[in-house]
Amino acid sequence: MSHDRPVLLIDSNVWLDHYSGDRPGSADATALITYADARGLTLAYPASCIKDVYYLIAQSLKRQCRQERGALTEEAARACNECAWESARNLAAIAVAVPVGEAEVRLACQLKELHGDLEDDLVLAALESSQADFLVTGDAVLRDKAPRGAFTARDMLAYLRAREG
């Protein structure tokens, strides 16, 4: 555990909140990521989540275009994909990817009996292999299953501020 500069493993739902801007947890996610980044804390993510962030942001933007304009043009679809790419590039620039390889897949499969959600089990396996100090997630069930400190973005920020004094 790194007491001076904790490592925060951030779940995909918090990254989505941060990059989307219109989700209920967006302000809290952005406040936490901005705070941690400004203080040189290590932000990490399970490597498998970057594709989810890309895909879900692109799909959300395309859905918004369809709702606002009635259709999605090829040009608008390219712009949505480019925004999703920019989010993925930024994520990779400000955070460290925690590998999700064979060992993590095996551990995730073993965790099925504890928590039958493969995506969440891969996050728990990444938490174990990375030795991150904290997990930050909006998923209440995942927080309950985490083997050590798991917080919402809001609570993690409050905790970090309290430690800073």
Foldseek 3Di string as FASTA:
>chain_A
DDVVAFEEEEELVLLLLCLVVPDPCVVLSVVLLVVNLVVVHAYEYAQVSLVVQLVVQLVVQLVVCCVVPVHADPVSSVVSNVSSVVSSVVCVVRHHHQYQDDQLQVQLVVCCVVPVDSSLSSSLSSCVVVVGQEYEDPDPVSCVSRPHHYYHSNVVVVVVVVVVD
